[in-house]
Amino acid sequence: MTKDHNGKESAAPAAGFLRASLNVPTALADIAVCLALGALGLWFVVNAAGMPAGRTMIGIGTFPMIVGVILVALCLVQIGLSLRNFRNAGTISFHRPLAVPIGMGLMLLFPFAMDSFGYFQTAALWVPAFAWVAGVAELPTILTLTAVILGLAYFLFQMLLGTPLP
C-alpha cells in the first residue's frame, strides 16, 4: 500500500511507480535546460538565415537572428558556469517525475483519439487516466469526476449550445 495525494493509503498497483522521487545535481539540470534552450536558439538562427532578406542589415529575419544568437551565447555561458561549479552545486529533487511526461502524452493523444473514437468514448477513458496520473487514487472520486465532466460536456455543448461533439 502506498499513500495518495491526500496522504491516504492506496492499493493502486502502480501508485508507487508514479510517486517516486528523482534527485539530480543542480549543475546537470542547468546543463540539460541550457542544451534545450541552445537548440531552440540555434533553430532560430538557422531559420532566420533562410528567410528572405535574412542576411541583409535589417529584414524579416533580423529579430529571430538576434534572439537566437543571444540565446545560444547565454546558454554557452551558463553551461560553462555550471561545469565550473559542478562539484559544489546542490541537488534538485523532482517529486513524481514520471507524472509529467505521462500527462503530456495523454494530452497529446487525446485529440487524435477523439477524432478516431469520438469525444465521449475517449473522455470516458482519458479523464480517469489523467486523474490517476494527477494523483487522484480514490475510485469514487475518479468516477464522480468522470461523470461530472462528461455530463457538463453533454449539457453545455449538445443541449445548451446545440453543438454536437465528435
N, C-alpha and C. Protein backbone atom coordinates (compact mmCIF):
# COMPACT_ATOMS: atom_id res chain seq x y z
N MET A 1 0.84 -1.17 0.00
CA MET A 1 0.00 0.00 0.00
C MET A 1 0.89 1.25 0.00
N THR A 2 0.53 2.22 -0.83
CA THR A 2 1.24 3.48 -0.87
C THR A 2 0.27 4.60 -0.57
N LYS A 3 0.79 5.78 -0.33
CA LYS A 3 -0.07 6.91 0.00
C LYS A 3 -0.39 7.70 -1.25
N ASP A 4 -1.65 8.19 -1.33
CA ASP A 4 -2.06 9.01 -2.46
C ASP A 4 -1.78 10.47 -2.16
N HIS A 5 -2.31 11.37 -3.00
CA HIS A 5 -2.02 12.80 -2.86
C HIS A 5 -2.57 13.39 -1.57
N ASN A 6 -3.54 12.76 -0.95
CA ASN A 6 -4.11 13.23 0.31
C ASN A 6 -3.47 12.57 1.52
N GLY A 7 -2.50 11.72 1.31
CA GLY A 7 -1.85 11.02 2.40
C GLY A 7 -2.58 9.76 2.83
N LYS A 8 -3.60 9.35 2.08
CA LYS A 8 -4.35 8.14 2.39
C LYS A 8 -3.68 6.95 1.73
N GLU A 9 -3.93 5.78 2.28
CA GLU A 9 -3.39 4.56 1.71
C GLU A 9 -4.08 4.24 0.39
N SER A 10 -3.31 3.79 -0.60
CA SER A 10 -3.85 3.46 -1.91
C SER A 10 -3.35 2.08 -2.32
N ALA A 11 -4.27 1.27 -2.84
CA ALA A 11 -3.90 -0.06 -3.29
C ALA A 11 -3.67 -0.10 -4.79
N ALA A 12 -3.63 1.06 -5.43
CA ALA A 12 -3.40 1.11 -6.87
C ALA A 12 -2.07 0.44 -7.19
N PRO A 13 -2.06 -0.49 -8.18
CA PRO A 13 -0.86 -1.28 -8.42
C PRO A 13 0.37 -0.47 -8.77
N ALA A 14 0.21 0.64 -9.45
CA ALA A 14 1.38 1.40 -9.87
C ALA A 14 1.48 2.73 -9.15
N ALA A 15 0.82 2.86 -8.00
CA ALA A 15 0.83 4.14 -7.28
C ALA A 15 2.25 4.53 -6.88
N GLY A 16 3.04 3.59 -6.41
CA GLY A 16 4.41 3.90 -6.02
C GLY A 16 5.28 4.26 -7.21
N PHE A 17 4.96 3.71 -8.36
CA PHE A 17 5.70 3.98 -9.59
C PHE A 17 5.65 5.46 -9.95
N LEU A 18 4.48 6.09 -9.78
CA LEU A 18 4.33 7.49 -10.12
C LEU A 18 4.76 8.42 -8.99
N ARG A 19 4.91 7.92 -7.78
CA ARG A 19 5.19 8.78 -6.65
C ARG A 19 6.66 8.74 -6.21
N ALA A 20 7.50 8.18 -7.01
CA ALA A 20 8.92 8.12 -6.68
C ALA A 20 9.53 9.52 -6.80
N SER A 21 10.71 9.68 -6.26
CA SER A 21 11.43 10.96 -6.37
C SER A 21 12.70 10.75 -7.17
N LEU A 22 13.15 11.81 -7.80
CA LEU A 22 14.37 11.77 -8.60
C LEU A 22 15.25 12.92 -8.14
N ASN A 23 16.46 12.62 -7.71
CA ASN A 23 17.41 13.64 -7.28
C ASN A 23 18.46 13.83 -8.35
N VAL A 24 18.63 15.08 -8.79
CA VAL A 24 19.55 15.40 -9.87
C VAL A 24 20.47 16.53 -9.41
N PRO A 25 21.77 16.44 -9.70
CA PRO A 25 22.65 17.57 -9.37
C PRO A 25 22.19 18.84 -10.09
N THR A 26 22.25 19.96 -9.38
CA THR A 26 21.78 21.23 -9.93
C THR A 26 22.47 21.57 -11.23
N ALA A 27 23.78 21.35 -11.29
CA ALA A 27 24.53 21.69 -12.50
C ALA A 27 24.06 20.84 -13.69
N LEU A 28 23.74 19.59 -13.45
CA LEU A 28 23.27 18.72 -14.53
C LEU A 28 21.92 19.20 -15.06
N ALA A 29 21.03 19.63 -14.16
CA ALA A 29 19.75 20.17 -14.59
C ALA A 29 19.95 21.46 -15.38
N ASP A 30 20.86 22.32 -14.92
CA ASP A 30 21.17 23.56 -15.66
C ASP A 30 21.68 23.26 -17.06
N ILE A 31 22.56 22.29 -17.16
CA ILE A 31 23.13 21.94 -18.46
C ILE A 31 22.05 21.39 -19.39
N ALA A 32 21.16 20.54 -18.87
CA ALA A 32 20.09 19.98 -19.70
C ALA A 32 19.16 21.08 -20.21
N VAL A 33 18.79 22.01 -19.35
CA VAL A 33 17.92 23.11 -19.77
C VAL A 33 18.64 23.99 -20.79
N CYS A 34 19.91 24.27 -20.55
CA CYS A 34 20.67 25.11 -21.49
C CYS A 34 20.84 24.44 -22.84
N LEU A 35 21.01 23.13 -22.86
CA LEU A 35 21.11 22.43 -24.15
C LEU A 35 19.80 22.54 -24.92
N ALA A 36 18.68 22.41 -24.23
CA ALA A 36 17.38 22.54 -24.90
C ALA A 36 17.16 23.97 -25.40
N LEU A 37 17.45 24.96 -24.56
CA LEU A 37 17.29 26.35 -24.98
C LEU A 37 18.30 26.73 -26.07
N GLY A 38 19.51 26.18 -25.98
CA GLY A 38 20.51 26.43 -27.02
C GLY A 38 20.08 25.85 -28.36
N ALA A 39 19.46 24.67 -28.34
CA ALA A 39 18.94 24.08 -29.58
C ALA A 39 17.83 24.95 -30.15
N LEU A 40 16.99 25.50 -29.29
CA LEU A 40 15.94 26.42 -29.75
C LEU A 40 16.56 27.67 -30.38
N GLY A 41 17.57 28.22 -29.72
CA GLY A 41 18.26 29.39 -30.28
C GLY A 41 18.92 29.09 -31.61
N LEU A 42 19.53 27.93 -31.72
CA LEU A 42 20.15 27.52 -32.98
C LEU A 42 19.10 27.35 -34.07
N TRP A 43 17.92 26.83 -33.70
CA TRP A 43 16.82 26.70 -34.65
C TRP A 43 16.38 28.08 -35.14
N PHE A 44 16.33 29.07 -34.23
CA PHE A 44 16.01 30.45 -34.62
C PHE A 44 17.02 30.97 -35.64
N VAL A 45 18.30 30.75 -35.35
CA VAL A 45 19.36 31.26 -36.23
C VAL A 45 19.28 30.62 -37.61
N VAL A 46 19.12 29.31 -37.67
CA VAL A 46 19.07 28.61 -38.95
C VAL A 46 17.86 29.06 -39.77
N ASN A 47 16.70 29.17 -39.13
CA ASN A 47 15.51 29.61 -39.86
C ASN A 47 15.57 31.08 -40.25
N ALA A 48 16.17 31.91 -39.40
CA ALA A 48 16.29 33.33 -39.72
C ALA A 48 17.23 33.54 -40.90
N ALA A 49 18.28 32.73 -41.00
CA ALA A 49 19.22 32.85 -42.12
C ALA A 49 18.57 32.44 -43.43
N GLY A 50 17.56 31.57 -43.38
CA GLY A 50 16.89 31.14 -44.60
C GLY A 50 15.73 32.02 -45.01
N MET A 51 15.38 33.01 -44.19
CA MET A 51 14.27 33.90 -44.53
C MET A 51 14.69 34.90 -45.60
N PRO A 52 13.72 35.39 -46.38
CA PRO A 52 14.07 36.40 -47.38
C PRO A 52 14.66 37.62 -46.70
N ALA A 53 15.74 38.09 -47.21
CA ALA A 53 16.47 39.25 -46.70
C ALA A 53 16.97 39.01 -45.28
N GLY A 54 17.17 37.77 -44.93
CA GLY A 54 17.66 37.44 -43.60
C GLY A 54 19.12 37.75 -43.43
N ARG A 55 19.82 37.98 -44.53
CA ARG A 55 21.26 38.26 -44.44
C ARG A 55 21.57 39.73 -44.70
N THR A 56 20.56 40.53 -44.94
CA THR A 56 20.79 41.96 -45.11
C THR A 56 20.85 42.61 -43.74
N MET A 57 21.08 43.91 -43.70
CA MET A 57 21.22 44.60 -42.42
C MET A 57 19.95 44.49 -41.57
N ILE A 58 18.81 44.86 -42.10
CA ILE A 58 17.54 44.74 -41.38
C ILE A 58 16.53 44.13 -42.33
N GLY A 59 15.96 43.03 -41.91
CA GLY A 59 14.98 42.35 -42.72
C GLY A 59 14.07 41.52 -41.83
N ILE A 60 13.32 40.67 -42.48
CA ILE A 60 12.36 39.87 -41.74
C ILE A 60 13.02 38.90 -40.78
N GLY A 61 14.24 38.49 -41.05
CA GLY A 61 14.93 37.54 -40.20
C GLY A 61 15.84 38.17 -39.16
N THR A 62 15.87 39.49 -39.07
CA THR A 62 16.79 40.16 -38.15
C THR A 62 16.48 39.85 -36.68
N PHE A 63 15.22 40.03 -36.29
CA PHE A 63 14.87 39.81 -34.89
C PHE A 63 15.09 38.36 -34.45
N PRO A 64 14.59 37.35 -35.22
CA PRO A 64 14.88 35.98 -34.78
C PRO A 64 16.37 35.65 -34.77
N MET A 65 17.13 36.27 -35.67
CA MET A 65 18.58 36.04 -35.69
C MET A 65 19.22 36.59 -34.41
N ILE A 66 18.85 37.80 -34.01
CA ILE A 66 19.40 38.41 -32.80
C ILE A 66 19.03 37.58 -31.57
N VAL A 67 17.75 37.22 -31.47
CA VAL A 67 17.29 36.44 -30.33
C VAL A 67 17.99 35.08 -30.28
N GLY A 68 18.13 34.43 -31.42
CA GLY A 68 18.79 33.12 -31.47
C GLY A 68 20.24 33.20 -31.07
N VAL A 69 20.97 34.20 -31.57
CA VAL A 69 22.39 34.35 -31.23
C VAL A 69 22.56 34.63 -29.75
N ILE A 70 21.73 35.53 -29.20
CA ILE A 70 21.82 35.85 -27.77
C ILE A 70 21.49 34.61 -26.93
N LEU A 71 20.48 33.87 -27.32
CA LEU A 71 20.09 32.67 -26.58
C LEU A 71 21.20 31.63 -26.59
N VAL A 72 21.81 31.40 -27.73
CA VAL A 72 22.91 30.44 -27.81
C VAL A 72 24.10 30.92 -26.97
N ALA A 73 24.43 32.20 -27.05
CA ALA A 73 25.57 32.74 -26.30
C ALA A 73 25.34 32.63 -24.79
N LEU A 74 24.15 33.00 -24.33
CA LEU A 74 23.86 32.91 -22.90
C LEU A 74 23.84 31.47 -22.41
N CYS A 75 23.37 30.57 -23.25
CA CYS A 75 23.39 29.15 -22.87
C CYS A 75 24.81 28.62 -22.75
N LEU A 76 25.67 29.04 -23.65
CA LEU A 76 27.07 28.62 -23.57
C LEU A 76 27.74 29.15 -22.30
N VAL A 77 27.43 30.40 -21.94
CA VAL A 77 27.98 30.97 -20.71
C VAL A 77 27.49 30.19 -19.50
N GLN A 78 26.17 29.89 -19.45
CA GLN A 78 25.62 29.16 -18.32
C GLN A 78 26.16 27.74 -18.24
N ILE A 79 26.35 27.10 -19.37
CA ILE A 79 26.94 25.75 -19.36
C ILE A 79 28.37 25.80 -18.80
N GLY A 80 29.12 26.81 -19.19
CA GLY A 80 30.48 26.97 -18.65
C GLY A 80 30.47 27.19 -17.15
N LEU A 81 29.55 28.03 -16.65
CA LEU A 81 29.45 28.26 -15.20
C LEU A 81 29.01 26.99 -14.47
N SER A 82 28.11 26.26 -15.07
CA SER A 82 27.64 25.02 -14.43
C SER A 82 28.75 23.98 -14.36
N LEU A 83 29.55 23.87 -15.41
CA LEU A 83 30.66 22.93 -15.40
C LEU A 83 31.72 23.34 -14.38
N ARG A 84 31.93 24.64 -14.24
CA ARG A 84 32.93 25.14 -13.29
C ARG A 84 32.51 24.83 -11.85
N ASN A 85 31.21 24.94 -11.56
CA ASN A 85 30.71 24.74 -10.19
C ASN A 85 30.02 23.38 -10.02
N PHE A 86 30.35 22.42 -10.85
CA PHE A 86 29.64 21.14 -10.83
C PHE A 86 29.75 20.43 -9.48
N ARG A 87 30.93 20.42 -8.89
CA ARG A 87 31.12 19.67 -7.64
C ARG A 87 30.52 20.38 -6.43
N ASN A 88 30.42 21.70 -6.47
CA ASN A 88 29.94 22.46 -5.32
C ASN A 88 28.43 22.68 -5.34
N ALA A 89 27.78 22.31 -6.40
CA ALA A 89 26.35 22.58 -6.53
C ALA A 89 25.54 21.58 -5.70
N GLY A 90 24.32 21.97 -5.35
CA GLY A 90 23.43 21.11 -4.59
C GLY A 90 22.68 20.16 -5.51
N THR A 91 21.57 19.64 -5.00
CA THR A 91 20.74 18.74 -5.80
C THR A 91 19.32 19.27 -5.86
N ILE A 92 18.64 18.91 -6.92
CA ILE A 92 17.24 19.24 -7.11
C ILE A 92 16.46 17.94 -6.98
N SER A 93 15.39 17.98 -6.22
CA SER A 93 14.57 16.79 -6.03
C SER A 93 13.26 16.96 -6.80
N PHE A 94 13.02 16.07 -7.76
CA PHE A 94 11.78 16.07 -8.53
C PHE A 94 10.86 15.01 -7.93
N HIS A 95 9.72 15.44 -7.42
CA HIS A 95 8.75 14.50 -6.88
C HIS A 95 7.81 14.09 -8.00
N ARG A 96 7.52 12.81 -8.11
CA ARG A 96 6.65 12.24 -9.14
C ARG A 96 7.15 12.62 -10.54
N PRO A 97 8.39 12.31 -10.89
CA PRO A 97 8.94 12.76 -12.18
C PRO A 97 8.28 12.13 -13.39
N LEU A 98 7.66 10.97 -13.26
CA LEU A 98 7.03 10.33 -14.42
C LEU A 98 5.62 10.86 -14.69
N ALA A 99 5.04 11.54 -13.72
CA ALA A 99 3.67 12.04 -13.90
C ALA A 99 3.60 13.08 -15.02
N VAL A 100 4.60 13.93 -15.14
CA VAL A 100 4.56 14.98 -16.16
C VAL A 100 4.65 14.41 -17.57
N PRO A 101 5.63 13.54 -17.91
CA PRO A 101 5.65 13.02 -19.28
C PRO A 101 4.43 12.15 -19.61
N ILE A 102 3.93 11.40 -18.62
CA ILE A 102 2.74 10.59 -18.91
C ILE A 102 1.54 11.50 -19.14
N GLY A 103 1.40 12.55 -18.33
CA GLY A 103 0.32 13.52 -18.53
C GLY A 103 0.43 14.22 -19.87
N MET A 104 1.65 14.57 -20.27
CA MET A 104 1.85 15.21 -21.58
C MET A 104 1.46 14.26 -22.69
N GLY A 105 1.82 13.00 -22.55
CA GLY A 105 1.45 12.01 -23.56
C GLY A 105 -0.06 11.87 -23.68
N LEU A 106 -0.73 11.85 -22.52
CA LEU A 106 -2.20 11.78 -22.55
C LEU A 106 -2.80 13.00 -23.24
N MET A 107 -2.26 14.17 -22.95
CA MET A 107 -2.77 15.40 -23.57
C MET A 107 -2.54 15.39 -25.09
N LEU A 108 -1.40 14.89 -25.52
CA LEU A 108 -1.10 14.86 -26.95
C LEU A 108 -1.93 13.81 -27.68
N LEU A 109 -2.25 12.71 -27.02
CA LEU A 109 -3.02 11.65 -27.67
C LEU A 109 -4.52 11.93 -27.71
N PHE A 110 -5.02 12.77 -26.80
CA PHE A 110 -6.46 12.98 -26.71
C PHE A 110 -7.10 13.47 -28.01
N PRO A 111 -6.57 14.50 -28.70
CA PRO A 111 -7.23 14.94 -29.94
C PRO A 111 -7.27 13.86 -31.02
N PHE A 112 -6.21 13.07 -31.13
CA PHE A 112 -6.18 12.02 -32.15
C PHE A 112 -7.17 10.91 -31.81
N ALA A 113 -7.22 10.54 -30.54
CA ALA A 113 -8.17 9.51 -30.12
C ALA A 113 -9.60 10.01 -30.27
N MET A 114 -9.82 11.29 -29.99
CA MET A 114 -11.16 11.86 -30.10
C MET A 114 -11.63 11.84 -31.55
N ASP A 115 -10.74 12.13 -32.49
CA ASP A 115 -11.10 12.07 -33.91
C ASP A 115 -11.44 10.65 -34.34
N SER A 116 -10.74 9.69 -33.79
CA SER A 116 -10.95 8.29 -34.19
C SER A 116 -12.16 7.65 -33.51
N PHE A 117 -12.36 7.92 -32.22
CA PHE A 117 -13.37 7.20 -31.46
C PHE A 117 -14.55 8.06 -31.01
N GLY A 118 -14.40 9.38 -31.04
CA GLY A 118 -15.45 10.27 -30.56
C GLY A 118 -15.10 10.84 -29.19
N TYR A 119 -15.70 11.99 -28.89
CA TYR A 119 -15.36 12.68 -27.65
C TYR A 119 -15.74 11.87 -26.41
N PHE A 120 -16.98 11.44 -26.32
CA PHE A 120 -17.46 10.81 -25.09
C PHE A 120 -16.76 9.48 -24.81
N GLN A 121 -16.50 8.69 -25.83
CA GLN A 121 -15.81 7.42 -25.62
C GLN A 121 -14.37 7.67 -25.16
N THR A 122 -13.71 8.64 -25.81
CA THR A 122 -12.32 8.94 -25.44
C THR A 122 -12.25 9.56 -24.05
N ALA A 123 -13.13 10.51 -23.77
CA ALA A 123 -13.10 11.17 -22.47
C ALA A 123 -13.44 10.21 -21.33
N ALA A 124 -14.30 9.23 -21.60
CA ALA A 124 -14.64 8.25 -20.56
C ALA A 124 -13.42 7.44 -20.13
N LEU A 125 -12.43 7.29 -21.01
CA LEU A 125 -11.19 6.60 -20.66
C LEU A 125 -10.10 7.58 -20.23
N TRP A 126 -10.07 8.74 -20.88
CA TRP A 126 -9.00 9.71 -20.66
C TRP A 126 -9.12 10.39 -19.29
N VAL A 127 -10.30 10.80 -18.88
CA VAL A 127 -10.46 11.52 -17.61
C VAL A 127 -9.97 10.66 -16.44
N PRO A 128 -10.39 9.39 -16.32
CA PRO A 128 -9.86 8.59 -15.20
C PRO A 128 -8.34 8.40 -15.28
N ALA A 129 -7.83 8.20 -16.48
CA ALA A 129 -6.38 8.02 -16.62
C ALA A 129 -5.64 9.28 -16.22
N PHE A 130 -6.11 10.44 -16.65
CA PHE A 130 -5.45 11.69 -16.32
C PHE A 130 -5.59 11.99 -14.83
N ALA A 131 -6.75 11.70 -14.26
CA ALA A 131 -6.95 11.92 -12.82
C ALA A 131 -5.98 11.05 -12.02
N TRP A 132 -5.80 9.80 -12.44
CA TRP A 132 -4.88 8.91 -11.74
C TRP A 132 -3.44 9.42 -11.82
N VAL A 133 -3.05 9.88 -13.01
CA VAL A 133 -1.70 10.43 -13.18
C VAL A 133 -1.54 11.70 -12.34
N ALA A 134 -2.61 12.48 -12.21
CA ALA A 134 -2.55 13.71 -11.42
C ALA A 134 -2.51 13.44 -9.92
N GLY A 135 -2.73 12.20 -9.51
CA GLY A 135 -2.59 11.85 -8.11
C GLY A 135 -3.87 11.47 -7.41
N VAL A 136 -4.98 11.43 -8.12
CA VAL A 136 -6.24 11.01 -7.51
C VAL A 136 -6.28 9.49 -7.53
N ALA A 137 -6.37 8.88 -6.35
CA ALA A 137 -6.30 7.43 -6.28
C ALA A 137 -7.59 6.78 -5.79
N GLU A 138 -8.54 7.59 -5.29
CA GLU A 138 -9.78 7.02 -4.79
C GLU A 138 -10.73 6.78 -5.95
N LEU A 139 -11.21 5.55 -6.09
CA LEU A 139 -12.10 5.19 -7.19
C LEU A 139 -13.40 6.00 -7.20
N PRO A 140 -14.06 6.23 -6.07
CA PRO A 140 -15.28 7.04 -6.11
C PRO A 140 -15.03 8.46 -6.62
N THR A 141 -13.90 9.04 -6.25
CA THR A 141 -13.57 10.39 -6.72
C THR A 141 -13.34 10.39 -8.22
N ILE A 142 -12.63 9.39 -8.72
CA ILE A 142 -12.36 9.30 -10.16
C ILE A 142 -13.66 9.12 -10.93
N LEU A 143 -14.54 8.25 -10.45
CA LEU A 143 -15.82 8.02 -11.14
C LEU A 143 -16.71 9.26 -11.11
N THR A 144 -16.73 9.95 -9.98
CA THR A 144 -17.52 11.19 -9.87
C THR A 144 -16.97 12.26 -10.81
N LEU A 145 -15.67 12.41 -10.82
CA LEU A 145 -15.03 13.39 -11.70
C LEU A 145 -15.34 13.10 -13.17
N THR A 146 -15.26 11.86 -13.55
CA THR A 146 -15.56 11.47 -14.94
C THR A 146 -17.01 11.76 -15.28
N ALA A 147 -17.93 11.39 -14.40
CA ALA A 147 -19.36 11.63 -14.65
C ALA A 147 -19.66 13.12 -14.75
N VAL A 148 -19.06 13.92 -13.89
CA VAL A 148 -19.31 15.37 -13.92
C VAL A 148 -18.78 15.98 -15.22
N ILE A 149 -17.58 15.61 -15.63
CA ILE A 149 -17.02 16.19 -16.86
C ILE A 149 -17.82 15.76 -18.09
N LEU A 150 -18.17 14.49 -18.16
CA LEU A 150 -18.98 14.04 -19.31
C LEU A 150 -20.37 14.68 -19.29
N GLY A 151 -20.97 14.79 -18.11
CA GLY A 151 -22.28 15.42 -18.00
C GLY A 151 -22.25 16.89 -18.37
N LEU A 152 -21.24 17.61 -17.91
CA LEU A 152 -21.12 19.03 -18.27
C LEU A 152 -20.89 19.20 -19.77
N ALA A 153 -20.06 18.38 -20.35
CA ALA A 153 -19.81 18.48 -21.79
C ALA A 153 -21.10 18.22 -22.57
N TYR A 154 -21.84 17.21 -22.16
CA TYR A 154 -23.10 16.91 -22.84
C TYR A 154 -24.10 18.06 -22.67
N PHE A 155 -24.26 18.55 -21.45
CA PHE A 155 -25.22 19.61 -21.20
C PHE A 155 -24.83 20.91 -21.90
N LEU A 156 -23.57 21.33 -21.76
CA LEU A 156 -23.15 22.61 -22.32
C LEU A 156 -23.12 22.61 -23.85
N PHE A 157 -22.53 21.59 -24.43
CA PHE A 157 -22.35 21.61 -25.87
C PHE A 157 -23.58 21.11 -26.63
N GLN A 158 -24.08 19.97 -26.25
CA GLN A 158 -25.16 19.36 -27.04
C GLN A 158 -26.52 19.94 -26.70
N MET A 159 -26.82 20.14 -25.43
CA MET A 159 -28.14 20.62 -25.06
C MET A 159 -28.25 22.14 -25.10
N LEU A 160 -27.31 22.84 -24.47
CA LEU A 160 -27.39 24.30 -24.36
C LEU A 160 -27.00 25.00 -25.66
N LEU A 161 -25.88 24.62 -26.23
CA LEU A 161 -25.39 25.28 -27.45
C LEU A 161 -25.86 24.60 -28.74
N GLY A 162 -26.31 23.38 -28.65
CA GLY A 162 -26.74 22.65 -29.84
C GLY A 162 -25.59 22.26 -30.75
N THR A 163 -24.39 22.16 -30.17
CA THR A 163 -23.21 21.81 -30.94
C THR A 163 -22.82 20.37 -30.62
N PRO A 164 -22.95 19.47 -31.60
CA PRO A 164 -22.57 18.08 -31.31
C PRO A 164 -21.07 17.94 -31.20
N LEU A 165 -20.64 17.13 -30.26
CA LEU A 165 -19.23 16.82 -30.12
C LEU A 165 -18.89 15.64 -31.01
N PRO A 166 -17.66 15.58 -31.49
CA PRO A 166 -17.30 14.48 -32.41
C PRO A 166 -17.42 13.11 -31.76
